């Protein structure tokens, strides 16, 4: 798959087949995140790769619109340092790691969807990460339940001319 094709075809997938991902697929997805660029090569992330069905179900209750996590074959919780002076950079960097993982997944036929954790203390208790770390972003992965292309959602995309401002606003 060409990069441009992946960018155009990427969609949020919230419904997955009840089919596990092969170890090779999970390693490829996780390694894509590990290899992503970061500010000053700081690599401020750790990833918790969650496959256990009970853990996925519990995690899916820790944020609005996290239901897709319960049906995922894999959920990756992106762990960052607690907010400090570099927090904006850490979030930018983890966003890149998330994008790399999602594009790597798409290339091998695996769908994904981002989610936000609104109960970080409950997530810490469930997943056991250290007090000096934080989870706000998770990504569910799995084989899409419906192969039919859903288009660009209700709103579609803003027109190029409405988004791009050449040289100045």
C-alpha atoms as a PDB file:
ATOM      1  CA  UNK A   1       0.000   0.000   0.000  1.00  0.00           C
ATOM      2  CA  UNK A   2       1.311   3.423  -0.928  1.00  0.00           C
ATOM      3  CA  UNK A   3       1.469   6.071   1.821  1.00  0.00           C
ATOM      4  CA  UNK A   4      -0.936   8.428   0.033  1.00  0.00           C
ATOM      5  CA  UNK A   5      -3.445   5.603  -0.403  1.00  0.00           C
ATOM      6  CA  UNK A   6      -3.218   4.822   3.301  1.00  0.00           C
ATOM      7  CA  UNK A   7      -3.786   8.473   4.238  1.00  0.00           C
ATOM      8  CA  UNK A   8      -6.829   8.718   1.969  1.00  0.00           C
ATOM      9  CA  UNK A   9      -8.298   5.376   3.052  1.00  0.00           C
ATOM     10  CA  UNK A  10      -7.717   5.571   6.812  1.00  0.00           C
ATOM     11  CA  UNK A  11     -10.986   5.552   8.758  1.00  0.00           C
ATOM     12  CA  UNK A  12     -11.863   5.038  12.400  1.00  0.00           C
ATOM     13  CA  UNK A  13     -12.972   1.423  12.822  1.00  0.00           C
ATOM     14  CA  UNK A  14     -15.114   0.859  15.914  1.00  0.00           C
ATOM     15  CA  UNK A  15     -16.488  -2.631  15.219  1.00  0.00           C
ATOM     16  CA  UNK A  16     -14.164  -5.600  15.002  1.00  0.00           C
ATOM     17  CA  UNK A  17     -14.368  -9.280  14.120  1.00  0.00           C
ATOM     18  CA  UNK A  18     -13.981 -11.698  17.009  1.00  0.00           C
ATOM     19  CA  UNK A  19     -10.653 -12.813  15.594  1.00  0.00           C
ATOM     20  CA  UNK A  20      -7.254 -12.509  17.291  1.00  0.00           C
ATOM     21  CA  UNK A  21      -4.372 -10.712  15.651  1.00  0.00           C
ATOM     22  CA  UNK A  22      -1.298 -12.838  14.903  1.00  0.00           C
ATOM     23  CA  UNK A  23       1.763 -12.062  17.041  1.00  0.00           C
ATOM     24  CA  UNK A  24       3.561 -10.805  13.923  1.00  0.00           C
ATOM     25  CA  UNK A  25       0.832  -8.211  13.288  1.00  0.00           C
ATOM     26  CA  UNK A  26       0.901  -6.985  16.896  1.00  0.00           C
ATOM     27  CA  UNK A  27       4.691  -6.700  16.875  1.00  0.00           C
ATOM     28  CA  UNK A  28       4.610  -4.793  13.595  1.00  0.00           C
ATOM     29  CA  UNK A  29       2.033  -2.308  14.917  1.00  0.00           C
ATOM     30  CA  UNK A  30       3.899  -1.774  18.194  1.00  0.00           C
ATOM     31  CA  UNK A  31       7.269  -1.482  16.474  1.00  0.00           C
ATOM     32  CA  UNK A  32       5.866   1.211  14.167  1.00  0.00           C
ATOM     33  CA  UNK A  33       4.995   3.271  17.256  1.00  0.00           C
ATOM     34  CA  UNK A  34       8.382   2.604  18.817  1.00  0.00           C
ATOM     35  CA  UNK A  35      10.117   3.792  15.649  1.00  0.00           C
ATOM     36  CA  UNK A  36       8.163   7.031  15.262  1.00  0.00           C
ATOM     37  CA  UNK A  37       9.944  10.345  15.488  1.00  0.00           C
ATOM     38  CA  UNK A  38       9.935  12.446  18.635  1.00  0.00           C
ATOM     39  CA  UNK A  39      11.224  15.827  19.757  1.00  0.00           C
ATOM     40  CA  UNK A  40      14.974  15.581  20.357  1.00  0.00           C
ATOM     41  CA  UNK A  41      14.584  11.791  20.021  1.00  0.00           C
ATOM     42  CA  UNK A  42      13.178  11.798  23.561  1.00  0.00           C
ATOM     43  CA  UNK A  43      10.843   8.839  22.898  1.00  0.00           C
ATOM     44  CA  UNK A  44       8.636   9.831  25.859  1.00  0.00           C
ATOM     45  CA  UNK A  45       6.260   6.886  25.519  1.00  0.00           C
ATOM     46  CA  UNK A  46       5.748   3.407  26.785  1.00  0.00           C
ATOM     47  CA  UNK A  47       3.030   1.158  25.391  1.00  0.00           C
ATOM     48  CA  UNK A  48       0.835  -1.293  27.274  1.00  0.00           C
ATOM     49  CA  UNK A  49      -0.392  -3.894  24.775  1.00  0.00           C
ATOM     50  CA  UNK A  50      -3.684  -5.266  26.100  1.00  0.00           C
ATOM     51  CA  UNK A  51      -5.199  -8.478  24.745  1.00  0.00           C
ATOM     52  CA  UNK A  52      -7.031  -9.861  27.783  1.00  0.00           C
ATOM     53  CA  UNK A  53     -10.788  -9.703  27.129  1.00  0.00           C
ATOM     54  CA  UNK A  54     -11.723  -8.859  30.745  1.00  0.00           C
ATOM     55  CA  UNK A  55      -9.156  -6.040  30.898  1.00  0.00           C
ATOM     56  CA  UNK A  56     -10.389  -4.650  27.566  1.00  0.00           C
ATOM     57  CA  UNK A  57     -13.956  -4.673  28.866  1.00  0.00           C
ATOM     58  CA  UNK A  58     -13.009  -2.812  32.053  1.00  0.00           C
ATOM     59  CA  UNK A  59     -10.883  -0.269  30.183  1.00  0.00           C
ATOM     60  CA  UNK A  60     -13.777   0.422  27.797  1.00  0.00           C
ATOM     61  CA  UNK A  61     -15.749   1.926  30.715  1.00  0.00           C
ATOM     62  CA  UNK A  62     -13.087   4.517  31.596  1.00  0.00           C
ATOM     63  CA  UNK A  63     -13.987   7.164  29.039  1.00  0.00           C
ATOM     64  CA  UNK A  64     -16.813   8.417  26.895  1.00  0.00           C
ATOM     65  CA  UNK A  65     -17.052   6.631  23.564  1.00  0.00           C
ATOM     66  CA  UNK A  66     -14.546   3.871  24.483  1.00  0.00           C
ATOM     67  CA  UNK A  67     -16.948   1.030  23.660  1.00  0.00           C
ATOM     68  CA  UNK A  68     -14.778   0.009  20.688  1.00  0.00           C
ATOM     69  CA  UNK A  69     -12.052  -1.067  23.121  1.00  0.00           C
ATOM     70  CA  UNK A  70     -14.208  -3.919  24.483  1.00  0.00           C
ATOM     71  CA  UNK A  71     -14.388  -5.589  21.057  1.00  0.00           C
ATOM     72  CA  UNK A  72     -10.775  -5.036  20.018  1.00  0.00           C
ATOM     73  CA  UNK A  73      -8.256  -7.815  19.502  1.00  0.00           C
ATOM     74  CA  UNK A  74      -5.560  -5.465  20.829  1.00  0.00           C
ATOM     75  CA  UNK A  75      -5.651  -2.147  22.622  1.00  0.00           C
ATOM     76  CA  UNK A  76      -2.506  -0.071  22.989  1.00  0.00           C
ATOM     77  CA  UNK A  77      -2.451   2.321  25.922  1.00  0.00           C
ATOM     78  CA  UNK A  78       0.100   5.056  25.324  1.00  0.00           C
ATOM     79  CA  UNK A  79       1.854   5.928  28.571  1.00  0.00           C
ATOM     80  CA  UNK A  80       3.561   9.327  28.943  1.00  0.00           C
ATOM     81  CA  UNK A  81       5.276  11.197  31.766  1.00  0.00           C
ATOM     82  CA  UNK A  82       2.865  13.165  33.975  1.00  0.00           C
ATOM     83  CA  UNK A  83       2.240  16.708  32.725  1.00  0.00           C
ATOM     84  CA  UNK A  84       5.232  19.002  33.069  1.00  0.00           C
ATOM     85  CA  UNK A  85       6.958  21.654  31.001  1.00  0.00           C
ATOM     86  CA  UNK A  86       7.394  19.268  28.018  1.00  0.00           C
ATOM     87  CA  UNK A  87       3.835  17.887  28.157  1.00  0.00           C
ATOM     88  CA  UNK A  88       2.747  19.573  24.908  1.00  0.00           C
ATOM     89  CA  UNK A  89       5.721  17.980  23.124  1.00  0.00           C
ATOM     90  CA  UNK A  90       5.019  14.620  24.751  1.00  0.00           C
ATOM     91  CA  UNK A  91       1.434  14.720  23.490  1.00  0.00           C
ATOM     92  CA  UNK A  92       2.566  15.745  19.999  1.00  0.00           C
ATOM     93  CA  UNK A  93       5.111  12.916  19.979  1.00  0.00           C
ATOM     94  CA  UNK A  94       2.604  10.324  21.204  1.00  0.00           C
ATOM     95  CA  UNK A  95       0.200  11.503  18.507  1.00  0.00           C
ATOM     96  CA  UNK A  96       2.863  10.690  15.942  1.00  0.00           C
ATOM     97  CA  UNK A  97       3.437   7.278  17.516  1.00  0.00           C
ATOM     98  CA  UNK A  98      -0.317   6.663  17.356  1.00  0.00           C
ATOM     99  CA  UNK A  99      -0.431   7.660  13.675  1.00  0.00           C
ATOM    100  CA  UNK A 100       2.485   5.402  12.803  1.00  0.00           C
ATOM    101  CA  UNK A 101       0.794   2.454  14.535  1.00  0.00           C
ATOM    102  CA  UNK A 102      -2.529   3.119  12.817  1.00  0.00           C
ATOM    103  CA  UNK A 103      -0.974   3.388   9.359  1.00  0.00           C
ATOM    104  CA  UNK A 104       1.095   0.240   9.900  1.00  0.00           C
ATOM    105  CA  UNK A 105      -2.099  -1.552  10.956  1.00  0.00           C
ATOM    106  CA  UNK A 106      -4.021  -0.322   7.921  1.00  0.00           C
ATOM    107  CA  UNK A 107      -1.342  -1.668   5.589  1.00  0.00           C
ATOM    108  CA  UNK A 108      -1.914  -5.205   6.929  1.00  0.00           C
ATOM    109  CA  UNK A 109      -5.720  -4.993   6.928  1.00  0.00           C
ATOM    110  CA  UNK A 110      -6.166  -4.131  10.598  1.00  0.00           C
ATOM    111  CA  UNK A 111      -8.566  -1.353  11.589  1.00  0.00           C
ATOM    112  CA  UNK A 112      -8.096   1.020  14.504  1.00  0.00           C
ATOM    113  CA  UNK A 113      -9.728   3.767  16.515  1.00  0.00           C
ATOM    114  CA  UNK A 114      -8.354   6.309  18.987  1.00  0.00           C
ATOM    115  CA  UNK A 115      -9.954   6.798  22.379  1.00  0.00           C
ATOM    116  CA  UNK A 116      -9.493   9.052  25.392  1.00  0.00           C
ATOM    117  CA  UNK A 117      -9.277   7.786  28.967  1.00  0.00           C
ATOM    118  CA  UNK A 118     -11.110  10.084  31.404  1.00  0.00           C
ATOM    119  CA  UNK A 119     -10.425   7.999  34.512  1.00  0.00           C
ATOM    120  CA  UNK A 120      -6.620   7.859  34.718  1.00  0.00           C
ATOM    121  CA  UNK A 121      -6.554   6.663  38.346  1.00  0.00           C
ATOM    122  CA  UNK A 122      -8.859   3.740  37.551  1.00  0.00           C
ATOM    123  CA  UNK A 123      -6.708   2.974  34.495  1.00  0.00           C
ATOM    124  CA  UNK A 124      -3.598   3.019  36.702  1.00  0.00           C
ATOM    125  CA  UNK A 125      -5.210   0.547  39.086  1.00  0.00           C
ATOM    126  CA  UNK A 126      -6.268  -1.709  36.214  1.00  0.00           C
ATOM    127  CA  UNK A 127      -3.014  -1.590  34.233  1.00  0.00           C
ATOM    128  CA  UNK A 128      -0.432  -1.082  36.991  1.00  0.00           C
ATOM    129  CA  UNK A 129       1.633   1.723  35.476  1.00  0.00           C
ATOM    130  CA  UNK A 130       3.792   3.928  37.790  1.00  0.00           C
ATOM    131  CA  UNK A 131       2.580   7.061  39.576  1.00  0.00           C
ATOM    132  CA  UNK A 132       4.893   9.300  37.517  1.00  0.00           C
ATOM    133  CA  UNK A 133       3.172   8.187  34.301  1.00  0.00           C
ATOM    134  CA  UNK A 134      -0.170   8.994  32.689  1.00  0.00           C
ATOM    135  CA  UNK A 135      -2.507   7.388  30.177  1.00  0.00           C
ATOM    136  CA  UNK A 136      -4.847   9.600  28.189  1.00  0.00           C
ATOM    137  CA  UNK A 137      -4.756   7.942  24.749  1.00  0.00           C
ATOM    138  CA  UNK A 138      -5.604   4.369  23.778  1.00  0.00           C
ATOM    139  CA  UNK A 139      -5.924   2.795  20.352  1.00  0.00           C
ATOM    140  CA  UNK A 140      -8.102  -0.227  19.644  1.00  0.00           C
ATOM    141  CA  UNK A 141      -7.028  -2.585  16.857  1.00  0.00           C
ATOM    142  CA  UNK A 142      -8.722  -5.494  15.131  1.00  0.00           C
ATOM    143  CA  UNK A 143      -9.965  -6.834  11.845  1.00  0.00           C
ATOM    144  CA  UNK A 144     -12.886  -4.647  10.706  1.00  0.00           C
ATOM    145  CA  UNK A 145     -16.280  -6.294  11.242  1.00  0.00           C
ATOM    146  CA  UNK A 146     -17.718  -4.752   8.087  1.00  0.00           C
ATOM    147  CA  UNK A 147     -15.642  -4.520   4.934  1.00  0.00           C
ATOM    148  CA  UNK A 148     -18.017  -1.999   3.356  1.00  0.00           C
ATOM    149  CA  UNK A 149     -16.397   1.399   3.058  1.00  0.00           C
ATOM    150  CA  UNK A 150     -18.216   3.923   5.197  1.00  0.00           C
ATOM    151  CA  UNK A 151     -17.056   7.087   3.442  1.00  0.00           C
ATOM    152  CA  UNK A 152     -15.902  10.171   5.314  1.00  0.00           C
ATOM    153  CA  UNK A 153     -18.492  10.117   8.072  1.00  0.00           C
ATOM    154  CA  UNK A 154     -21.375  12.484   8.581  1.00  0.00           C
ATOM    155  CA  UNK A 155     -19.438  15.671   7.957  1.00  0.00           C
ATOM    156  CA  UNK A 156     -16.851  14.590   5.404  1.00  0.00           C
ATOM    157  CA  UNK A 157     -13.727  16.696   5.114  1.00  0.00           C
ATOM    158  CA  UNK A 158     -13.489  20.445   4.829  1.00  0.00           C
ATOM    159  CA  UNK A 159     -12.609  21.634   1.335  1.00  0.00           C
ATOM    160  CA  UNK A 160      -8.920  22.150   0.597  1.00  0.00           C
ATOM    161  CA  UNK A 161      -9.526  25.851  -0.111  1.00  0.00           C
ATOM    162  CA  UNK A 162     -11.220  26.290   3.292  1.00  0.00           C
ATOM    163  CA  UNK A 163      -8.303  24.779   5.179  1.00  0.00           C
ATOM    164  CA  UNK A 164      -5.200  26.010   3.381  1.00  0.00           C
ATOM    165  CA  UNK A 165      -4.007  29.623   3.676  1.00  0.00           C
ATOM    166  CA  UNK A 166      -1.067  30.424   1.415  1.00  0.00           C
ATOM    167  CA  UNK A 167       1.681  32.675   2.822  1.00  0.00           C
ATOM    168  CA  UNK A 168      -0.676  34.321   5.361  1.00  0.00           C
ATOM    169  CA  UNK A 169      -4.257  34.054   6.607  1.00  0.00           C
END
